[in-house]
N, C-alpha and C. Protein backbone atom coordinates (compact mmCIF):
# COMPACT_ATOMS: atom_id res chain seq x y z
N MET A 1 0.84 -1.19 0.00
CA MET A 1 0.00 0.00 0.00
C MET A 1 0.88 1.24 0.00
N ASP A 2 0.53 2.20 -0.83
CA ASP A 2 1.27 3.47 -0.90
C ASP A 2 0.64 4.51 0.01
N THR A 3 1.49 5.31 0.60
CA THR A 3 1.01 6.48 1.35
C THR A 3 1.72 7.70 0.77
N ILE A 4 0.96 8.74 0.58
CA ILE A 4 1.51 10.01 0.11
C ILE A 4 1.02 11.07 1.08
N ARG A 5 1.96 11.85 1.60
CA ARG A 5 1.57 12.88 2.54
C ARG A 5 2.31 14.18 2.23
N LYS A 6 1.65 15.27 2.54
CA LYS A 6 2.31 16.57 2.47
C LYS A 6 3.18 16.71 3.70
N ALA A 7 4.32 17.37 3.52
CA ALA A 7 5.22 17.61 4.65
C ALA A 7 5.82 19.00 4.48
N ASP A 8 6.19 19.58 5.60
CA ASP A 8 6.88 20.87 5.59
C ASP A 8 8.34 20.62 5.23
N TYR A 9 8.93 21.60 4.56
CA TYR A 9 10.38 21.57 4.39
C TYR A 9 10.93 22.96 4.47
N PHE A 10 12.20 23.04 4.85
CA PHE A 10 12.87 24.29 5.07
C PHE A 10 14.23 24.24 4.40
N SER A 11 14.57 25.29 3.67
CA SER A 11 15.84 25.36 2.95
C SER A 11 16.80 26.33 3.62
N ILE A 12 18.08 26.01 3.49
CA ILE A 12 19.12 26.92 3.90
C ILE A 12 20.22 26.89 2.84
N GLU A 13 20.98 27.94 2.79
CA GLU A 13 22.16 27.95 1.93
C GLU A 13 23.39 27.99 2.82
N VAL A 14 24.37 27.19 2.46
CA VAL A 14 25.60 27.12 3.24
C VAL A 14 26.79 27.14 2.29
N PRO A 15 27.97 27.40 2.81
CA PRO A 15 29.16 27.28 1.96
C PRO A 15 29.26 25.84 1.45
N ASN A 16 29.65 25.68 0.21
CA ASN A 16 29.82 24.36 -0.39
C ASN A 16 31.20 23.85 -0.03
N LYS A 17 31.33 23.36 1.22
CA LYS A 17 32.64 22.90 1.69
C LYS A 17 32.47 21.61 2.49
N VAL A 18 33.56 20.88 2.56
CA VAL A 18 33.59 19.59 3.24
C VAL A 18 33.10 19.73 4.68
N GLY A 19 32.19 18.86 5.08
CA GLY A 19 31.76 18.76 6.46
C GLY A 19 30.60 19.66 6.87
N GLU A 20 30.17 20.56 5.99
CA GLU A 20 29.09 21.48 6.36
C GLU A 20 27.79 20.73 6.64
N GLY A 21 27.43 19.79 5.77
CA GLY A 21 26.23 18.98 6.00
C GLY A 21 26.34 18.13 7.26
N ALA A 22 27.52 17.54 7.46
CA ALA A 22 27.72 16.73 8.68
C ALA A 22 27.57 17.56 9.94
N ARG A 23 28.09 18.78 9.89
CA ARG A 23 27.98 19.68 11.06
C ARG A 23 26.53 19.97 11.39
N LEU A 24 25.74 20.32 10.37
CA LEU A 24 24.33 20.66 10.60
C LEU A 24 23.52 19.44 11.03
N LEU A 25 23.72 18.32 10.34
CA LEU A 25 22.99 17.11 10.71
C LEU A 25 23.35 16.64 12.11
N GLY A 26 24.62 16.76 12.46
CA GLY A 26 25.04 16.36 13.81
C GLY A 26 24.41 17.25 14.88
N ALA A 27 24.35 18.55 14.61
CA ALA A 27 23.74 19.47 15.58
C ALA A 27 22.26 19.18 15.76
N LEU A 28 21.56 18.90 14.65
CA LEU A 28 20.13 18.56 14.75
C LEU A 28 19.95 17.23 15.45
N HIS A 29 20.81 16.27 15.20
CA HIS A 29 20.75 14.98 15.90
C HIS A 29 20.92 15.19 17.40
N ASP A 30 21.92 15.97 17.78
CA ASP A 30 22.17 16.24 19.19
C ASP A 30 20.99 16.94 19.85
N ALA A 31 20.22 17.70 19.04
CA ALA A 31 19.03 18.39 19.56
C ALA A 31 17.80 17.48 19.58
N GLY A 32 17.96 16.22 19.13
CA GLY A 32 16.85 15.27 19.15
C GLY A 32 15.88 15.42 18.01
N ILE A 33 16.30 16.03 16.91
CA ILE A 33 15.40 16.26 15.77
C ILE A 33 15.39 15.04 14.87
N ASP A 34 14.20 14.56 14.54
CA ASP A 34 14.01 13.42 13.63
C ASP A 34 13.58 13.98 12.28
N LEU A 35 14.34 13.66 11.24
CA LEU A 35 14.02 14.14 9.91
C LEU A 35 13.32 13.04 9.12
N ALA A 36 12.26 13.42 8.40
CA ALA A 36 11.61 12.49 7.48
C ALA A 36 12.45 12.32 6.24
N ALA A 37 13.12 13.39 5.82
CA ALA A 37 13.98 13.37 4.64
C ALA A 37 14.93 14.54 4.68
N PHE A 38 15.94 14.48 3.83
CA PHE A 38 16.98 15.49 3.75
C PHE A 38 17.54 15.43 2.34
N THR A 39 17.81 16.57 1.76
CA THR A 39 18.45 16.59 0.46
C THR A 39 19.38 17.81 0.41
N ALA A 40 20.45 17.67 -0.33
CA ALA A 40 21.41 18.77 -0.47
C ALA A 40 22.01 18.72 -1.87
N PHE A 41 22.28 19.89 -2.41
CA PHE A 41 22.87 19.93 -3.76
C PHE A 41 23.57 21.27 -3.94
N PRO A 42 24.55 21.30 -4.84
CA PRO A 42 25.28 22.55 -5.07
C PRO A 42 24.39 23.59 -5.74
N SER A 43 24.66 24.83 -5.40
CA SER A 43 23.96 25.96 -5.98
C SER A 43 24.99 27.07 -6.18
N GLY A 44 25.64 27.06 -7.34
CA GLY A 44 26.75 27.97 -7.56
C GLY A 44 27.91 27.58 -6.67
N ARG A 45 28.44 28.55 -5.95
CA ARG A 45 29.55 28.28 -5.03
C ARG A 45 29.06 27.89 -3.65
N ARG A 46 27.76 27.82 -3.50
CA ARG A 46 27.17 27.46 -2.22
C ARG A 46 26.44 26.13 -2.36
N ALA A 47 25.76 25.71 -1.35
CA ALA A 47 24.96 24.49 -1.41
C ALA A 47 23.61 24.79 -0.78
N GLN A 48 22.56 24.22 -1.34
CA GLN A 48 21.23 24.33 -0.75
C GLN A 48 20.95 23.03 -0.01
N ILE A 49 20.50 23.17 1.21
CA ILE A 49 20.13 22.01 2.02
C ILE A 49 18.66 22.15 2.38
N ASP A 50 17.90 21.07 2.14
CA ASP A 50 16.48 21.04 2.47
C ASP A 50 16.26 20.01 3.57
N PHE A 51 15.61 20.46 4.65
CA PHE A 51 15.28 19.60 5.78
C PHE A 51 13.79 19.37 5.79
N MET A 52 13.37 18.10 5.89
CA MET A 52 11.96 17.75 6.01
C MET A 52 11.78 17.10 7.39
N PRO A 53 11.45 17.90 8.40
CA PRO A 53 11.35 17.35 9.77
C PRO A 53 10.07 16.52 9.97
N GLN A 54 10.16 15.56 10.85
CA GLN A 54 8.96 14.81 11.22
C GLN A 54 7.97 15.72 11.94
N ASP A 55 8.50 16.66 12.73
CA ASP A 55 7.66 17.58 13.50
C ASP A 55 8.26 18.99 13.35
N THR A 56 7.48 19.89 12.78
CA THR A 56 7.98 21.22 12.44
C THR A 56 8.35 22.06 13.66
N ALA A 57 7.51 22.11 14.67
CA ALA A 57 7.76 23.01 15.81
C ALA A 57 9.10 22.74 16.50
N PRO A 58 9.40 21.49 16.87
CA PRO A 58 10.72 21.25 17.49
C PRO A 58 11.88 21.55 16.56
N PHE A 59 11.71 21.29 15.26
CA PHE A 59 12.77 21.60 14.30
C PHE A 59 13.05 23.09 14.28
N LYS A 60 11.99 23.90 14.17
CA LYS A 60 12.18 25.35 14.11
C LYS A 60 12.82 25.88 15.40
N ALA A 61 12.39 25.34 16.54
CA ALA A 61 12.96 25.76 17.81
C ALA A 61 14.44 25.39 17.89
N ALA A 62 14.79 24.19 17.48
CA ALA A 62 16.18 23.76 17.49
C ALA A 62 17.02 24.59 16.54
N ALA A 63 16.50 24.85 15.35
CA ALA A 63 17.23 25.65 14.36
C ALA A 63 17.51 27.04 14.93
N ARG A 64 16.51 27.64 15.57
CA ARG A 64 16.68 28.96 16.18
C ARG A 64 17.80 28.92 17.24
N LYS A 65 17.71 27.92 18.11
CA LYS A 65 18.67 27.77 19.20
C LYS A 65 20.08 27.56 18.66
N LEU A 66 20.19 26.83 17.55
CA LEU A 66 21.50 26.52 16.96
C LEU A 66 22.00 27.61 16.02
N GLY A 67 21.17 28.64 15.80
CA GLY A 67 21.57 29.73 14.93
C GLY A 67 21.52 29.38 13.46
N ILE A 68 20.70 28.38 13.11
CA ILE A 68 20.51 27.98 11.72
C ILE A 68 19.35 28.81 11.16
N LYS A 69 19.65 29.66 10.19
CA LYS A 69 18.62 30.51 9.61
C LYS A 69 17.94 29.79 8.45
N VAL A 70 16.77 29.24 8.73
CA VAL A 70 16.04 28.50 7.70
C VAL A 70 15.12 29.46 6.94
N GLY A 71 14.86 29.08 5.69
CA GLY A 71 13.93 29.87 4.87
C GLY A 71 12.51 29.61 5.31
N PRO A 72 11.55 30.21 4.61
CA PRO A 72 10.14 30.02 4.95
C PRO A 72 9.71 28.57 4.75
N ARG A 73 8.66 28.19 5.48
CA ARG A 73 8.09 26.84 5.35
C ARG A 73 7.53 26.68 3.94
N LYS A 74 7.88 25.55 3.32
CA LYS A 74 7.35 25.19 2.02
C LYS A 74 6.81 23.77 2.10
N THR A 75 6.22 23.29 1.02
CA THR A 75 5.59 21.97 1.04
C THR A 75 6.26 21.01 0.06
N VAL A 76 6.48 19.81 0.53
CA VAL A 76 6.98 18.69 -0.27
C VAL A 76 6.01 17.53 -0.05
N PHE A 77 5.93 16.62 -1.00
CA PHE A 77 5.17 15.40 -0.83
C PHE A 77 6.13 14.26 -0.58
N ILE A 78 5.82 13.43 0.39
CA ILE A 78 6.63 12.24 0.68
C ILE A 78 5.77 11.01 0.39
N VAL A 79 6.32 10.09 -0.38
CA VAL A 79 5.59 8.88 -0.73
C VAL A 79 6.39 7.68 -0.24
N GLN A 80 5.67 6.67 0.26
CA GLN A 80 6.28 5.39 0.67
C GLN A 80 5.32 4.30 0.25
N GLY A 81 5.87 3.16 -0.17
CA GLY A 81 4.98 2.08 -0.57
C GLY A 81 5.70 0.81 -0.92
N ASP A 82 4.91 -0.14 -1.40
CA ASP A 82 5.45 -1.42 -1.83
C ASP A 82 6.11 -1.23 -3.20
N ASP A 83 7.37 -1.64 -3.30
CA ASP A 83 8.11 -1.47 -4.54
C ASP A 83 7.52 -2.37 -5.62
N ARG A 84 7.35 -1.79 -6.80
CA ARG A 84 6.81 -2.52 -7.94
C ARG A 84 7.11 -1.73 -9.20
N PRO A 85 7.14 -2.38 -10.34
CA PRO A 85 7.35 -1.65 -11.58
C PRO A 85 6.23 -0.61 -11.78
N GLY A 86 6.60 0.60 -12.09
CA GLY A 86 5.62 1.63 -12.39
C GLY A 86 5.08 2.40 -11.20
N ALA A 87 5.59 2.16 -10.01
CA ALA A 87 5.04 2.85 -8.83
C ALA A 87 5.17 4.38 -8.97
N ILE A 88 6.31 4.85 -9.38
CA ILE A 88 6.49 6.29 -9.55
C ILE A 88 5.74 6.79 -10.77
N ALA A 89 5.70 5.98 -11.82
CA ALA A 89 4.97 6.36 -13.05
C ALA A 89 3.50 6.63 -12.73
N GLU A 90 2.91 5.85 -11.83
CA GLU A 90 1.50 6.05 -11.45
C GLU A 90 1.27 7.44 -10.89
N ILE A 91 2.21 7.88 -10.03
CA ILE A 91 2.08 9.22 -9.44
C ILE A 91 2.22 10.29 -10.52
N CYS A 92 3.23 10.12 -11.35
CA CYS A 92 3.47 11.10 -12.43
C CYS A 92 2.27 11.18 -13.38
N GLU A 93 1.69 10.04 -13.71
CA GLU A 93 0.53 10.01 -14.62
C GLU A 93 -0.68 10.70 -14.00
N LYS A 94 -0.93 10.48 -12.71
CA LYS A 94 -2.04 11.14 -12.04
C LYS A 94 -1.87 12.66 -12.05
N LEU A 95 -0.66 13.10 -11.74
CA LEU A 95 -0.41 14.55 -11.74
C LEU A 95 -0.54 15.12 -13.13
N ALA A 96 0.05 14.45 -14.11
CA ALA A 96 -0.04 14.94 -15.49
C ALA A 96 -1.48 14.99 -15.96
N GLY A 97 -2.26 13.98 -15.61
CA GLY A 97 -3.67 13.93 -15.99
C GLY A 97 -4.47 15.07 -15.42
N ALA A 98 -4.00 15.61 -14.30
CA ALA A 98 -4.67 16.74 -13.64
C ALA A 98 -4.06 18.08 -14.08
N GLY A 99 -3.10 18.01 -15.02
CA GLY A 99 -2.48 19.24 -15.50
C GLY A 99 -1.48 19.85 -14.52
N ILE A 100 -0.90 19.01 -13.65
CA ILE A 100 0.05 19.47 -12.66
C ILE A 100 1.45 19.06 -13.07
N ASN A 101 2.34 20.04 -13.16
CA ASN A 101 3.71 19.78 -13.54
C ASN A 101 4.55 19.51 -12.29
N LEU A 102 5.38 18.48 -12.35
CA LEU A 102 6.33 18.22 -11.27
C LEU A 102 7.48 19.21 -11.39
N VAL A 103 7.87 19.79 -10.27
CA VAL A 103 9.03 20.68 -10.22
C VAL A 103 10.28 19.82 -10.11
N ALA A 104 10.24 18.81 -9.24
CA ALA A 104 11.37 17.90 -9.02
C ALA A 104 10.87 16.65 -8.33
N MET A 105 11.64 15.57 -8.46
CA MET A 105 11.27 14.29 -7.81
C MET A 105 12.53 13.49 -7.56
N ASP A 106 12.58 12.86 -6.40
CA ASP A 106 13.63 11.90 -6.04
C ASP A 106 12.94 10.66 -5.50
N ALA A 107 13.40 9.49 -5.92
CA ALA A 107 12.82 8.25 -5.41
C ALA A 107 13.88 7.16 -5.46
N ALA A 108 13.72 6.15 -4.61
CA ALA A 108 14.67 5.05 -4.58
C ALA A 108 14.00 3.82 -3.97
N CYS A 109 14.53 2.68 -4.31
CA CYS A 109 14.15 1.44 -3.65
C CYS A 109 14.66 1.53 -2.22
N ALA A 110 13.83 1.20 -1.25
CA ALA A 110 14.22 1.30 0.14
C ALA A 110 14.62 -0.04 0.73
N GLY A 111 14.57 -1.10 -0.09
CA GLY A 111 14.89 -2.43 0.40
C GLY A 111 13.68 -3.11 1.01
N ASN A 112 13.78 -4.41 1.17
CA ASN A 112 12.68 -5.19 1.74
C ASN A 112 11.37 -4.99 1.01
N GLY A 113 11.44 -4.81 -0.33
CA GLY A 113 10.23 -4.69 -1.12
C GLY A 113 9.51 -3.34 -0.98
N ARG A 114 10.21 -2.31 -0.51
CA ARG A 114 9.61 -1.00 -0.31
C ARG A 114 10.33 0.06 -1.15
N TYR A 115 9.66 1.15 -1.41
CA TYR A 115 10.28 2.30 -2.06
C TYR A 115 9.85 3.55 -1.32
N ALA A 116 10.58 4.62 -1.55
CA ALA A 116 10.23 5.91 -0.95
C ALA A 116 10.67 7.00 -1.90
N GLY A 117 10.04 8.14 -1.79
CA GLY A 117 10.42 9.27 -2.63
C GLY A 117 9.84 10.56 -2.09
N MET A 118 10.26 11.62 -2.71
CA MET A 118 9.73 12.93 -2.40
C MET A 118 9.63 13.70 -3.68
N PHE A 119 8.62 14.57 -3.75
CA PHE A 119 8.45 15.34 -4.96
C PHE A 119 7.83 16.69 -4.64
N TRP A 120 8.06 17.61 -5.55
CA TRP A 120 7.63 18.99 -5.39
C TRP A 120 6.78 19.39 -6.57
N VAL A 121 5.76 20.19 -6.31
CA VAL A 121 4.96 20.83 -7.35
C VAL A 121 4.98 22.33 -7.05
N ALA A 122 4.55 23.14 -8.00
CA ALA A 122 4.50 24.59 -7.79
C ALA A 122 3.57 24.88 -6.60
N PRO A 123 3.91 25.93 -5.81
CA PRO A 123 3.08 26.24 -4.65
C PRO A 123 1.58 26.36 -4.98
N GLY A 124 1.23 26.89 -6.11
CA GLY A 124 -0.16 27.05 -6.49
C GLY A 124 -0.86 25.74 -6.82
N ASP A 125 -0.08 24.67 -6.99
CA ASP A 125 -0.66 23.34 -7.31
C ASP A 125 -0.68 22.38 -6.13
N VAL A 126 -0.19 22.79 -4.97
CA VAL A 126 -0.07 21.89 -3.82
C VAL A 126 -1.43 21.32 -3.42
N ASN A 127 -2.42 22.16 -3.23
CA ASN A 127 -3.73 21.65 -2.79
C ASN A 127 -4.37 20.76 -3.84
N LYS A 128 -4.25 21.13 -5.11
CA LYS A 128 -4.81 20.31 -6.19
C LYS A 128 -4.12 18.96 -6.23
N ALA A 129 -2.77 18.96 -6.10
CA ALA A 129 -2.03 17.68 -6.11
C ALA A 129 -2.43 16.82 -4.92
N ALA A 130 -2.61 17.43 -3.77
CA ALA A 130 -2.99 16.68 -2.57
C ALA A 130 -4.36 16.01 -2.80
N LYS A 131 -5.25 16.73 -3.41
CA LYS A 131 -6.59 16.17 -3.68
C LYS A 131 -6.51 15.03 -4.70
N VAL A 132 -5.75 15.24 -5.78
CA VAL A 132 -5.62 14.21 -6.83
C VAL A 132 -4.98 12.94 -6.27
N LEU A 133 -4.01 13.09 -5.35
CA LEU A 133 -3.27 11.95 -4.84
C LEU A 133 -3.81 11.42 -3.51
N GLY A 134 -4.80 12.07 -2.97
CA GLY A 134 -5.35 11.63 -1.69
C GLY A 134 -4.40 11.84 -0.53
N ALA A 135 -3.59 12.88 -0.63
CA ALA A 135 -2.61 13.15 0.42
C ALA A 135 -3.20 14.04 1.51
């Protein structure tokens, strides 16, 4: 069975240097923050890091305490389910059929017959995508 849910995410920009992600993830771990997902990628000479916390309020409080300046709350969709051929294609087809363009998507086999992923749509399409996907 697949589950798709909306989740909050927060972006930061950091220097694109060795250990920066480890430093931030370690500080959040020490603060007891559980992340649903995390992604990071280069952005020019810097790097963008996106945190998807399991619980927004403790994440924001910890970030404030740690001096991590996060951007405004945005929405990502997180999907988990039984791995099978076409699992991601089904999501893409439903969104396309509703006229919703994917901004970005990441997905992977999670092992033990499961898969997981996250995807983004334009802010104006979030509610429509949630309705189409039952999120």
